[in-house]
Amino acid sequence: MPPKVQIDLITEDQAGQRIDNYLLTRLKGAPRTFVYRILRKGEVRVNKGRIKPEYRLQAGDNVRIPPVRLPEPNEPVLVGQGILQALETNIVYEDKGLIVVNKPAGLAVHGGSGLNFGVIEAMRQLRPDCPQLELVHRLDRDTSGCLMIAKKRSMLRHLHAALRGDGVRKRYLALVRGHWPATTKRVHAPLQKNNLRSGERMVEVNPEGKESLTEFSVVKRFGDFATLVEARPITGRTHQIRVHARHAGHPIAGDPKYGDDDFSQQIREMGGKRLFLHAASLTTELPDGTRLEVAAEPGKMWDDVLRKLANV
C-alpha cells in the first residue's frame, strides 16, 4: 500500500519532548536530514500550524506526518548517516521532478557486484517521500560530478529522450599525462566492450565497435608533465573519455584500467588518490521549457593537486 498522511494524537506520556526527537523515534529508519527537511518545509504540522524543530509537544496536540516509505522491520538500513549527510550536502539542484547530485569519487551509482548500496539506494533512503526515484544516467564508480536522478517517471522519460538526441550537454574535466597538443580537438574512434575471464569489463578501440566521438580542449598545461583538459562526449559509450584519452596518448591520472602507472603514482605522491575525471557541468531543457544549467566542483583533493602541479 502506498504511504498516506498520518495524524498522531500526543498523549500525556509523550508530552514534553521536542518535535524533532519525536519524529526521529516515530520515523525509524528515516535519515536525520530528511526529518529536518520536512520540518523546515512545513510538511509536518502541529494543530494545523507550522512549527520549529525545538517545539515541545503537549498532550492533545495533533501532529500531521506526511506520506513516508520507511524500511520494513526486517529490511536492513544500508547506508550510514555519514554518507547520507555527504550526499545531502552534495545536492547541487533539486525541484519537484529532478535531483542533481555531485557524486563523490569512489561511490558507485547503484549496488551490485559485491556492493550493498550505491547513490540510488542512498538517495531512496534519503528521500523516503519520493517512491519513484530512478537514475537518469550513470557515472563510473571512480568518476565524480553531476549525476541526474529523476523523482518522477515523466521526468525520467523526458530526460532519456533528451539523452538519445542531443538534448543533454555534458562537460567533464580530466587531468591527463603529458602535453596535450592544441591541434587534437576531437577523438573519433569506435569503441567495443570486452568482458575478461575475471568478469571485469574493459573497453578498447576497435574498427568493429560502436561509433564514438569526444571533443577535447586544453584548460591548463603543467609544463610537459600534465594537462588539464575539458572533454565533451558527443556519444555516450562506457568508459568513453578514459579510453579516448589513452588512445590520444594522454591517459588520465589515477585510472587503474586505462592509465599510466608511473604517472598515476606521481600524482598519488602529491595527494591525488583518485581518478582525475569529473563531470563538471550539464545543460538540458526541462519538460516545462526552462533551461537547466548546473555545475559541480571537483573538491579539495583535486584542487590541492592542481595547486602543487602549478608550483612544480
C-alpha atoms as a PDB file:
ATOM      1  CA  MET A   1       0.000   0.000   0.000  1.00  0.00           C
ATOM      2  CA  PRO A   2       1.293   3.488  -0.781  1.00  0.00           C
ATOM      3  CA  PRO A   3       2.091   5.620   2.270  1.00  0.00           C
ATOM      4  CA  LYS A   4      -0.563   8.095   3.458  1.00  0.00           C
ATOM      5  CA  VAL A   5      -0.723  11.220   5.612  1.00  0.00           C
ATOM      6  CA  GLN A   6      -0.942  10.250   9.272  1.00  0.00           C
ATOM      7  CA  ILE A   7      -2.254  12.220  12.260  1.00  0.00           C
ATOM      8  CA  ASP A   8      -0.799  11.392  15.680  1.00  0.00           C
ATOM      9  CA  LEU A   9      -2.570  12.422  18.880  1.00  0.00           C
ATOM     10  CA  ILE A  10       0.031  13.190  21.560  1.00  0.00           C
ATOM     11  CA  THR A  11      -0.573  11.509  24.927  1.00  0.00           C
ATOM     12  CA  GLU A  12       0.448  12.646  28.400  1.00  0.00           C
ATOM     13  CA  ASP A  13       3.394  10.209  28.274  1.00  0.00           C
ATOM     14  CA  GLN A  14       4.664  11.725  25.006  1.00  0.00           C
ATOM     15  CA  ALA A  15       4.284  15.350  26.083  1.00  0.00           C
ATOM     16  CA  GLY A  16       7.350  17.452  26.795  1.00  0.00           C
ATOM     17  CA  GLN A  17       9.669  16.088  24.111  1.00  0.00           C
ATOM     18  CA  ARG A  18      10.871  18.119  21.150  1.00  0.00           C
ATOM     19  CA  ILE A  19       9.124  17.520  17.841  1.00  0.00           C
ATOM     20  CA  ASP A  20      12.406  16.636  16.069  1.00  0.00           C
ATOM     21  CA  ASN A  21      13.221  13.937  18.633  1.00  0.00           C
ATOM     22  CA  TYR A  22       9.652  12.632  18.465  1.00  0.00           C
ATOM     23  CA  LEU A  23       9.887  12.299  14.670  1.00  0.00           C
ATOM     24  CA  LEU A  24      13.291  10.600  14.768  1.00  0.00           C
ATOM     25  CA  THR A  25      11.775   7.940  17.042  1.00  0.00           C
ATOM     26  CA  ARG A  26       8.442   7.807  15.197  1.00  0.00           C
ATOM     27  CA  LEU A  27      10.003   7.540  11.732  1.00  0.00           C
ATOM     28  CA  LYS A  28      12.520   4.793  12.483  1.00  0.00           C
ATOM     29  CA  GLY A  29      15.000   4.433   9.611  1.00  0.00           C
ATOM     30  CA  ALA A  30      14.425   7.927   8.196  1.00  0.00           C
ATOM     31  CA  PRO A  31      17.648   9.979   7.962  1.00  0.00           C
ATOM     32  CA  ARG A  32      18.027  12.960  10.300  1.00  0.00           C
ATOM     33  CA  THR A  33      18.461  15.216   7.266  1.00  0.00           C
ATOM     34  CA  PHE A  34      15.048  14.091   5.976  1.00  0.00           C
ATOM     35  CA  VAL A  35      13.340  14.777   9.323  1.00  0.00           C
ATOM     36  CA  TYR A  36      14.744  18.322   9.486  1.00  0.00           C
ATOM     37  CA  ARG A  37      13.853  18.932   5.829  1.00  0.00           C
ATOM     38  CA  ILE A  38      10.159  18.073   6.266  1.00  0.00           C
ATOM     39  CA  LEU A  39      10.080  20.255   9.380  1.00  0.00           C
ATOM     40  CA  ARG A  40      11.729  23.150   7.534  1.00  0.00           C
ATOM     41  CA  LYS A  41       9.340  22.837   4.568  1.00  0.00           C
ATOM     42  CA  GLY A  42       6.269  22.794   6.824  1.00  0.00           C
ATOM     43  CA  GLU A  43       5.217  19.287   5.803  1.00  0.00           C
ATOM     44  CA  VAL A  44       4.974  18.367   9.495  1.00  0.00           C
ATOM     45  CA  ARG A  45       2.283  20.388  11.266  1.00  0.00           C
ATOM     46  CA  VAL A  46       1.074  20.550  14.845  1.00  0.00           C
ATOM     47  CA  ASN A  47      -2.573  21.539  15.266  1.00  0.00           C
ATOM     48  CA  LYS A  48      -2.516  22.559  11.567  1.00  0.00           C
ATOM     49  CA  GLY A  49       0.317  25.053  12.120  1.00  0.00           C
ATOM     50  CA  ARG A  50       3.998  25.092  11.194  1.00  0.00           C
ATOM     51  CA  ILE A  51       6.466  24.503  13.997  1.00  0.00           C
ATOM     52  CA  LYS A  52      10.222  24.652  14.550  1.00  0.00           C
ATOM     53  CA  PRO A  53      12.384  21.628  15.462  1.00  0.00           C
ATOM     54  CA  GLU A  54      12.684  22.816  19.075  1.00  0.00           C
ATOM     55  CA  TYR A  55       8.880  22.928  19.620  1.00  0.00           C
ATOM     56  CA  ARG A  56       7.919  20.842  22.681  1.00  0.00           C
ATOM     57  CA  LEU A  57       4.852  18.658  22.276  1.00  0.00           C
ATOM     58  CA  GLN A  58       1.876  18.996  24.575  1.00  0.00           C
ATOM     59  CA  ALA A  59      -0.799  16.443  25.474  1.00  0.00           C
ATOM     60  CA  GLY A  60      -3.654  16.679  22.981  1.00  0.00           C
ATOM     61  CA  ASP A  61      -1.513  18.010  20.109  1.00  0.00           C
ATOM     62  CA  ASN A  62      -2.409  16.694  16.658  1.00  0.00           C
ATOM     63  CA  VAL A  63       0.781  16.001  14.660  1.00  0.00           C
ATOM     64  CA  ARG A  64       0.452  15.737  10.870  1.00  0.00           C
ATOM     65  CA  ILE A  65       3.101  13.444   9.340  1.00  0.00           C
ATOM     66  CA  PRO A  66       3.448  13.434   5.516  1.00  0.00           C
ATOM     67  CA  PRO A  67       3.484  10.196   3.465  1.00  0.00           C
ATOM     68  CA  VAL A  68       6.811   8.411   4.071  1.00  0.00           C
ATOM     69  CA  ARG A  69       8.020   4.998   2.900  1.00  0.00           C
ATOM     70  CA  LEU A  70      10.109   3.529   5.709  1.00  0.00           C
ATOM     71  CA  PRO A  71      12.133   0.293   5.736  1.00  0.00           C
ATOM     72  CA  GLU A  72      10.190  -2.804   6.756  1.00  0.00           C
ATOM     73  CA  PRO A  73      11.089  -4.213  10.205  1.00  0.00           C
ATOM     74  CA  ASN A  74      13.303  -6.918   8.665  1.00  0.00           C
ATOM     75  CA  GLU A  75      14.680  -4.675   5.905  1.00  0.00           C
ATOM     76  CA  PRO A  76      18.253  -3.538   6.622  1.00  0.00           C
ATOM     77  CA  VAL A  77      19.091   0.163   6.644  1.00  0.00           C
ATOM     78  CA  LEU A  78      22.002   0.009   4.230  1.00  0.00           C
ATOM     79  CA  VAL A  79      23.517   3.455   4.265  1.00  0.00           C
ATOM     80  CA  GLY A  80      25.142   5.165   7.239  1.00  0.00           C
ATOM     81  CA  GLN A  81      24.360   8.714   8.339  1.00  0.00           C
ATOM     82  CA  GLY A  82      27.816   9.965   7.265  1.00  0.00           C
ATOM     83  CA  ILE A  83      27.270   9.059   3.612  1.00  0.00           C
ATOM     84  CA  LEU A  84      23.681  10.314   3.685  1.00  0.00           C
ATOM     85  CA  GLN A  85      24.818  13.641   5.118  1.00  0.00           C
ATOM     86  CA  ALA A  86      27.567  13.924   2.474  1.00  0.00           C
ATOM     87  CA  LEU A  87      25.082  13.287  -0.351  1.00  0.00           C
ATOM     88  CA  GLU A  88      22.570  15.770   1.086  1.00  0.00           C
ATOM     89  CA  THR A  89      25.340  18.385   1.182  1.00  0.00           C
ATOM     90  CA  ASN A  90      26.355  17.490  -2.394  1.00  0.00           C
ATOM     91  CA  ILE A  91      22.922  18.125  -3.948  1.00  0.00           C
ATOM     92  CA  VAL A  92      23.502  20.941  -6.459  1.00  0.00           C
ATOM     93  CA  TYR A  93      19.930  21.152  -7.809  1.00  0.00           C
ATOM     94  CA  GLU A  94      16.505  19.894  -6.765  1.00  0.00           C
ATOM     95  CA  ASP A  95      12.931  20.540  -7.871  1.00  0.00           C
ATOM     96  CA  LYS A  96       9.700  18.527  -7.818  1.00  0.00           C
ATOM     97  CA  GLY A  97      10.872  16.187 -10.563  1.00  0.00           C
ATOM     98  CA  LEU A  98      14.669  16.056 -10.506  1.00  0.00           C
ATOM     99  CA  ILE A  99      17.723  15.890  -8.247  1.00  0.00           C
ATOM    100  CA  VAL A 100      21.262  16.578  -9.465  1.00  0.00           C
ATOM    101  CA  VAL A 101      23.927  15.420  -7.031  1.00  0.00           C
ATOM    102  CA  ASN A 102      27.682  15.964  -7.133  1.00  0.00           C
ATOM    103  CA  LYS A 103      28.601  12.280  -6.835  1.00  0.00           C
ATOM    104  CA  PRO A 104      31.774  11.660  -4.829  1.00  0.00           C
ATOM    105  CA  ALA A 105      34.596   9.673  -6.464  1.00  0.00           C
ATOM    106  CA  GLY A 106      34.656   6.058  -5.251  1.00  0.00           C
ATOM    107  CA  LEU A 107      30.888   5.754  -4.701  1.00  0.00           C
ATOM    108  CA  ALA A 108      29.061   3.526  -7.216  1.00  0.00           C
ATOM    109  CA  VAL A 109      25.797   4.785  -8.696  1.00  0.00           C
ATOM    110  CA  HIS A 110      23.990   1.583  -7.648  1.00  0.00           C
ATOM    111  CA  GLY A 111      24.580  -1.563  -5.619  1.00  0.00           C
ATOM    112  CA  GLY A 112      25.543  -4.940  -7.087  1.00  0.00           C
ATOM    113  CA  SER A 113      28.724  -6.885  -7.844  1.00  0.00           C
ATOM    114  CA  GLY A 114      29.526  -7.172  -4.157  1.00  0.00           C
ATOM    115  CA  LEU A 115      28.357  -3.638  -3.281  1.00  0.00           C
ATOM    116  CA  ASN A 116      25.492  -3.341  -0.808  1.00  0.00           C
ATOM    117  CA  PHE A 117      24.469   0.103  -1.994  1.00  0.00           C
ATOM    118  CA  GLY A 118      25.216   2.966  -4.320  1.00  0.00           C
ATOM    119  CA  VAL A 119      23.975   6.524  -4.845  1.00  0.00           C
ATOM    120  CA  ILE A 120      20.455   5.488  -5.862  1.00  0.00           C
ATOM    121  CA  GLU A 121      19.921   3.277  -2.800  1.00  0.00           C
ATOM    122  CA  ALA A 122      21.268   6.061  -0.587  1.00  0.00           C
ATOM    123  CA  MET A 123      19.026   8.653  -2.215  1.00  0.00           C
ATOM    124  CA  ARG A 124      15.965   6.420  -1.781  1.00  0.00           C
ATOM    125  CA  GLN A 125      16.827   6.229   1.897  1.00  0.00           C
ATOM    126  CA  LEU A 126      17.410   9.990   1.984  1.00  0.00           C
ATOM    127  CA  ARG A 127      14.117  10.775   0.216  1.00  0.00           C
ATOM    128  CA  PRO A 128      11.577   8.235   1.567  1.00  0.00           C
ATOM    129  CA  ASP A 129       8.790  10.547   0.363  1.00  0.00           C
ATOM    130  CA  CYS A 130       9.875  10.009  -3.285  1.00  0.00           C
ATOM    131  CA  PRO A 131       8.948   6.385  -4.152  1.00  0.00           C
ATOM    132  CA  GLN A 132       9.819   6.693  -7.884  1.00  0.00           C
ATOM    133  CA  LEU A 133      13.481   7.754  -7.663  1.00  0.00           C
ATOM    134  CA  GLU A 134      15.475   6.416 -10.635  1.00  0.00           C
ATOM    135  CA  LEU A 135      18.914   7.068 -12.120  1.00  0.00           C
ATOM    136  CA  VAL A 136      18.679   9.064 -15.363  1.00  0.00           C
ATOM    137  CA  HIS A 137      22.201   8.069 -16.448  1.00  0.00           C
ATOM    138  CA  ARG A 138      25.372   6.644 -14.912  1.00  0.00           C
ATOM    139  CA  LEU A 139      28.871   7.669 -13.954  1.00  0.00           C
ATOM    140  CA  ASP A 140      31.761   5.277 -13.401  1.00  0.00           C
ATOM    141  CA  ARG A 141      32.322   4.496  -9.728  1.00  0.00           C
ATOM    142  CA  ASP A 142      35.629   6.382  -9.665  1.00  0.00           C
ATOM    143  CA  THR A 143      34.298   9.413 -11.596  1.00  0.00           C
ATOM    144  CA  SER A 144      32.865  12.320  -9.614  1.00  0.00           C
ATOM    145  CA  GLY A 145      30.417  15.018 -10.619  1.00  0.00           C
ATOM    146  CA  CYS A 146      26.925  15.809 -11.878  1.00  0.00           C
ATOM    147  CA  LEU A 147      24.538  12.855 -11.694  1.00  0.00           C
ATOM    148  CA  MET A 148      20.822  13.229 -12.520  1.00  0.00           C
ATOM    149  CA  ILE A 149      18.178  11.331 -10.525  1.00  0.00           C
ATOM    150  CA  ALA A 150      14.523  11.563 -11.592  1.00  0.00           C
ATOM    151  CA  LYS A 151      11.799  11.799  -8.958  1.00  0.00           C
ATOM    152  CA  LYS A 152       9.003  11.042 -11.428  1.00  0.00           C
ATOM    153  CA  ARG A 153       8.547   8.654 -14.353  1.00  0.00           C
ATOM    154  CA  SER A 154       7.559  11.580 -16.596  1.00  0.00           C
ATOM    155  CA  MET A 155      10.887  13.320 -15.871  1.00  0.00           C
ATOM    156  CA  LEU A 156      12.788  10.066 -16.459  1.00  0.00           C
ATOM    157  CA  ARG A 157      11.136   9.596 -19.870  1.00  0.00           C
ATOM    158  CA  HIS A 158      11.786  13.222 -20.838  1.00  0.00           C
ATOM    159  CA  LEU A 159      15.490  13.079 -19.962  1.00  0.00           C
ATOM    160  CA  HIS A 160      16.012   9.663 -21.564  1.00  0.00           C
ATOM    161  CA  ALA A 161      14.622  11.102 -24.796  1.00  0.00           C
ATOM    162  CA  ALA A 162      16.928  14.124 -24.415  1.00  0.00           C
ATOM    163  CA  LEU A 163      19.941  11.838 -23.886  1.00  0.00           C
ATOM    164  CA  ARG A 164      19.097   9.810 -27.001  1.00  0.00           C
ATOM    165  CA  GLY A 165      19.098  13.005 -29.031  1.00  0.00           C
ATOM    166  CA  ASP A 166      21.353  15.981 -28.488  1.00  0.00           C
ATOM    167  CA  GLY A 167      19.353  17.411 -25.601  1.00  0.00           C
ATOM    168  CA  VAL A 168      21.868  16.983 -22.761  1.00  0.00           C
ATOM    169  CA  ARG A 169      25.277  18.657 -22.979  1.00  0.00           C
ATOM    170  CA  LYS A 170      27.879  17.300 -20.551  1.00  0.00           C
ATOM    171  CA  ARG A 171      31.266  18.833 -19.792  1.00  0.00           C
ATOM    172  CA  TYR A 172      33.997  16.874 -17.999  1.00  0.00           C
ATOM    173  CA  LEU A 173      37.368  17.865 -16.604  1.00  0.00           C
ATOM    174  CA  ALA A 174      40.301  15.433 -16.752  1.00  0.00           C
ATOM    175  CA  LEU A 175      43.932  15.615 -15.697  1.00  0.00           C
ATOM    176  CA  VAL A 176      45.980  13.756 -18.308  1.00  0.00           C
ATOM    177  CA  ARG A 177      49.611  12.782 -18.789  1.00  0.00           C
ATOM    178  CA  GLY A 178      51.886  14.927 -20.908  1.00  0.00           C
ATOM    179  CA  HIS A 179      51.469  17.947 -23.154  1.00  0.00           C
ATOM    180  CA  TRP A 180      48.068  17.683 -24.874  1.00  0.00           C
ATOM    181  CA  PRO A 181      48.515  19.344 -28.282  1.00  0.00           C
ATOM    182  CA  ALA A 182      46.190  22.203 -29.196  1.00  0.00           C
ATOM    183  CA  THR A 183      45.656  20.521 -32.566  1.00  0.00           C
ATOM    184  CA  THR A 184      43.971  17.443 -31.002  1.00  0.00           C
ATOM    185  CA  LYS A 185      40.414  18.702 -30.662  1.00  0.00           C
ATOM    186  CA  ARG A 186      38.462  15.548 -31.472  1.00  0.00           C
ATOM    187  CA  VAL A 187      38.988  11.846 -30.885  1.00  0.00           C
ATOM    188  CA  HIS A 188      36.793   9.876 -33.259  1.00  0.00           C
ATOM    189  CA  ALA A 189      37.449   6.201 -32.526  1.00  0.00           C
ATOM    190  CA  PRO A 190      34.959   3.290 -32.399  1.00  0.00           C
ATOM    191  CA  LEU A 191      34.737   1.500 -29.040  1.00  0.00           C
ATOM    192  CA  GLN A 192      33.986  -2.135 -28.260  1.00  0.00           C
ATOM    193  CA  LYS A 193      33.280  -3.683 -24.851  1.00  0.00           C
ATOM    194  CA  ASN A 194      35.015  -6.895 -23.835  1.00  0.00           C
ATOM    195  CA  ASN A 195      34.414  -8.958 -20.707  1.00  0.00           C
ATOM    196  CA  LEU A 196      37.575 -10.589 -19.411  1.00  0.00           C
ATOM    197  CA  ARG A 197      37.651 -14.061 -17.889  1.00  0.00           C
ATOM    198  CA  SER A 198      37.696 -12.432 -14.445  1.00  0.00           C
ATOM    199  CA  GLY A 199      34.380 -10.757 -15.267  1.00  0.00           C
ATOM    200  CA  GLU A 200      35.987  -7.320 -15.469  1.00  0.00           C
ATOM    201  CA  ARG A 201      34.680  -5.104 -18.255  1.00  0.00           C
ATOM    202  CA  MET A 202      37.270  -3.457 -20.498  1.00  0.00           C
ATOM    203  CA  VAL A 203      36.695  -1.189 -23.487  1.00  0.00           C
ATOM    204  CA  GLU A 204      39.043  -0.868 -26.443  1.00  0.00           C
ATOM    205  CA  VAL A 205      39.295   0.988 -29.713  1.00  0.00           C
ATOM    206  CA  ASN A 206      38.183  -1.455 -32.401  1.00  0.00           C
ATOM    207  CA  PRO A 207      37.055  -0.858 -36.006  1.00  0.00           C
ATOM    208  CA  GLU A 208      34.130  -3.219 -35.333  1.00  0.00           C
ATOM    209  CA  GLY A 209      32.994  -1.221 -32.276  1.00  0.00           C
ATOM    210  CA  LYS A 210      30.336   1.473 -31.957  1.00  0.00           C
ATOM    211  CA  GLU A 211      30.967   4.942 -33.327  1.00  0.00           C
ATOM    212  CA  SER A 212      32.340   7.148 -30.544  1.00  0.00           C
ATOM    213  CA  LEU A 213      33.307  10.811 -30.546  1.00  0.00           C
ATOM    214  CA  THR A 214      34.765  13.044 -27.821  1.00  0.00           C
ATOM    215  CA  GLU A 215      35.745  16.689 -28.197  1.00  0.00           C
ATOM    216  CA  PHE A 216      38.691  17.936 -26.136  1.00  0.00           C
ATOM    217  CA  SER A 217      40.104  21.373 -25.345  1.00  0.00           C
ATOM    218  CA  VAL A 218      43.053  22.460 -23.202  1.00  0.00           C
ATOM    219  CA  VAL A 219      42.195  24.245 -19.940  1.00  0.00           C
ATOM    220  CA  LYS A 220      45.668  24.480 -18.390  1.00  0.00           C
ATOM    221  CA  ARG A 221      49.103  22.980 -19.002  1.00  0.00           C
ATOM    222  CA  PHE A 222      51.575  21.988 -16.311  1.00  0.00           C
ATOM    223  CA  GLY A 223      54.736  22.048 -18.398  1.00  0.00           C
ATOM    224  CA  ASP A 224      55.194  18.826 -20.351  1.00  0.00           C
ATOM    225  CA  PHE A 225      54.210  16.721 -17.343  1.00  0.00           C
ATOM    226  CA  ALA A 226      50.400  17.045 -17.327  1.00  0.00           C
ATOM    227  CA  THR A 227      47.464  18.891 -18.894  1.00  0.00           C
ATOM    228  CA  LEU A 228      44.029  19.743 -17.527  1.00  0.00           C
ATOM    229  CA  VAL A 229      41.583  19.215 -20.378  1.00  0.00           C
ATOM    230  CA  GLU A 230      37.868  19.696 -20.901  1.00  0.00           C
ATOM    231  CA  ALA A 231      36.112  16.714 -22.512  1.00  0.00           C
ATOM    232  CA  ARG A 232      32.690  16.827 -24.152  1.00  0.00           C
ATOM    233  CA  PRO A 233      31.371  13.360 -25.076  1.00  0.00           C
ATOM    234  CA  ILE A 234      29.222  13.580 -28.196  1.00  0.00           C
ATOM    235  CA  THR A 235      28.314   9.893 -27.907  1.00  0.00           C
ATOM    236  CA  GLY A 236      27.793   8.110 -24.598  1.00  0.00           C
ATOM    237  CA  ARG A 237      29.798   4.881 -24.566  1.00  0.00           C
ATOM    238  CA  THR A 238      31.091   3.050 -21.493  1.00  0.00           C
ATOM    239  CA  HIS A 239      34.485   4.449 -20.339  1.00  0.00           C
ATOM    240  CA  GLN A 240      34.499   6.645 -23.467  1.00  0.00           C
ATOM    241  CA  ILE A 241      36.551   9.612 -22.209  1.00  0.00           C
ATOM    242  CA  ARG A 242      39.036   7.366 -20.397  1.00  0.00           C
ATOM    243  CA  VAL A 243      39.703   5.189 -23.476  1.00  0.00           C
ATOM    244  CA  HIS A 244      39.748   8.123 -25.910  1.00  0.00           C
ATOM    245  CA  ALA A 245      42.273   9.965 -23.722  1.00  0.00           C
ATOM    246  CA  ARG A 246      44.564   6.937 -23.697  1.00  0.00           C
ATOM    247  CA  HIS A 247      44.060   6.453 -27.454  1.00  0.00           C
ATOM    248  CA  ALA A 248      45.253  10.046 -27.943  1.00  0.00           C
ATOM    249  CA  GLY A 249      48.389   9.171 -25.956  1.00  0.00           C
ATOM    250  CA  HIS A 250      47.398  11.040 -22.799  1.00  0.00           C
ATOM    251  CA  PRO A 251      45.892   8.678 -20.186  1.00  0.00           C
ATOM    252  CA  ILE A 252      44.002  10.114 -17.206  1.00  0.00           C
ATOM    253  CA  ALA A 253      45.697  10.323 -13.798  1.00  0.00           C
ATOM    254  CA  GLY A 254      44.614   7.677 -11.319  1.00  0.00           C
ATOM    255  CA  ASP A 255      42.948   5.429 -13.922  1.00  0.00           C
ATOM    256  CA  PRO A 256      43.510   1.811 -12.809  1.00  0.00           C
ATOM    257  CA  LYS A 257      42.266   0.329 -16.112  1.00  0.00           C
ATOM    258  CA  TYR A 258      43.455   2.631 -18.861  1.00  0.00           C
ATOM    259  CA  GLY A 259      46.034   4.802 -17.133  1.00  0.00           C
ATOM    260  CA  ASP A 260      49.804   5.049 -16.878  1.00  0.00           C
ATOM    261  CA  ASP A 261      51.015   3.579 -13.562  1.00  0.00           C
ATOM    262  CA  ASP A 262      54.104   5.794 -13.243  1.00  0.00           C
ATOM    263  CA  PHE A 263      52.157   8.985 -13.960  1.00  0.00           C
ATOM    264  CA  SER A 264      49.370   7.959 -11.559  1.00  0.00           C
ATOM    265  CA  GLN A 265      51.937   7.179  -8.851  1.00  0.00           C
ATOM    266  CA  GLN A 266      53.498  10.626  -9.192  1.00  0.00           C
ATOM    267  CA  ILE A 267      50.081  12.263  -8.851  1.00  0.00           C
ATOM    268  CA  ARG A 268      49.310   9.984  -5.884  1.00  0.00           C
ATOM    269  CA  GLU A 269      52.508  11.197  -4.164  1.00  0.00           C
ATOM    270  CA  MET A 270      51.077  14.716  -4.449  1.00  0.00           C
ATOM    271  CA  GLY A 271      47.973  13.547  -2.554  1.00  0.00           C
ATOM    272  CA  GLY A 272      45.888  12.687  -5.612  1.00  0.00           C
ATOM    273  CA  LYS A 273      44.386   9.356  -4.561  1.00  0.00           C
ATOM    274  CA  ARG A 274      41.535   9.224  -7.057  1.00  0.00           C
ATOM    275  CA  LEU A 275      40.638   9.063 -10.749  1.00  0.00           C
ATOM    276  CA  PHE A 276      41.029  12.591 -12.109  1.00  0.00           C
ATOM    277  CA  LEU A 277      37.848  12.620 -14.178  1.00  0.00           C
ATOM    278  CA  HIS A 278      34.989  14.872 -13.072  1.00  0.00           C
ATOM    279  CA  ALA A 279      31.569  15.581 -14.615  1.00  0.00           C
ATOM    280  CA  ALA A 280      31.813  19.335 -14.103  1.00  0.00           C
ATOM    281  CA  SER A 281      28.545  20.565 -15.625  1.00  0.00           C
ATOM    282  CA  LEU A 282      25.484  19.653 -17.639  1.00  0.00           C
ATOM    283  CA  THR A 283      22.869  21.605 -19.563  1.00  0.00           C
ATOM    284  CA  THR A 284      19.435  20.443 -20.686  1.00  0.00           C
ATOM    285  CA  GLU A 285      15.857  21.598 -21.198  1.00  0.00           C
ATOM    286  CA  LEU A 286      13.261  20.615 -18.607  1.00  0.00           C
ATOM    287  CA  PRO A 287       9.725  19.484 -19.548  1.00  0.00           C
ATOM    288  CA  ASP A 288       8.298  22.969 -18.883  1.00  0.00           C
ATOM    289  CA  GLY A 289      10.728  24.501 -21.377  1.00  0.00           C
ATOM    290  CA  THR A 290      13.083  26.101 -18.856  1.00  0.00           C
ATOM    291  CA  ARG A 291      16.807  25.607 -19.334  1.00  0.00           C
ATOM    292  CA  LEU A 292      18.711  23.795 -16.614  1.00  0.00           C
ATOM    293  CA  GLU A 293      22.413  24.575 -16.195  1.00  0.00           C
ATOM    294  CA  VAL A 294      24.201  23.013 -13.223  1.00  0.00           C
ATOM    295  CA  ALA A 295      27.853  22.810 -12.239  1.00  0.00           C
ATOM    296  CA  ALA A 296      29.746  20.899  -9.539  1.00  0.00           C
ATOM    297  CA  GLU A 297      33.190  21.449  -8.059  1.00  0.00           C
ATOM    298  CA  PRO A 298      35.651  18.502  -8.034  1.00  0.00           C
ATOM    299  CA  GLY A 299      36.691  19.051  -4.423  1.00  0.00           C
ATOM    300  CA  LYS A 300      39.656  19.821  -2.210  1.00  0.00           C
ATOM    301  CA  MET A 301      41.879  16.856  -3.191  1.00  0.00           C
ATOM    302  CA  TRP A 302      41.613  17.809  -6.865  1.00  0.00           C
ATOM    303  CA  ASP A 303      42.304  21.495  -6.152  1.00  0.00           C
ATOM    304  CA  ASP A 304      45.286  20.702  -3.927  1.00  0.00           C
ATOM    305  CA  VAL A 305      46.951  18.565  -6.622  1.00  0.00           C
ATOM    306  CA  LEU A 306      46.481  21.248  -9.299  1.00  0.00           C
ATOM    307  CA  ARG A 307      47.961  23.814  -6.925  1.00  0.00           C
ATOM    308  CA  LYS A 308      51.022  21.617  -6.348  1.00  0.00           C
ATOM    309  CA  LEU A 309      51.410  20.992 -10.090  1.00  0.00           C
ATOM    310  CA  ALA A 310      51.328  24.729 -10.750  1.00  0.00           C
ATOM    311  CA  ASN A 311      54.178  25.231  -8.280  1.00  0.00           C
ATOM    312  CA  VAL A 312      56.443  22.473  -9.606  1.00  0.00           C
END
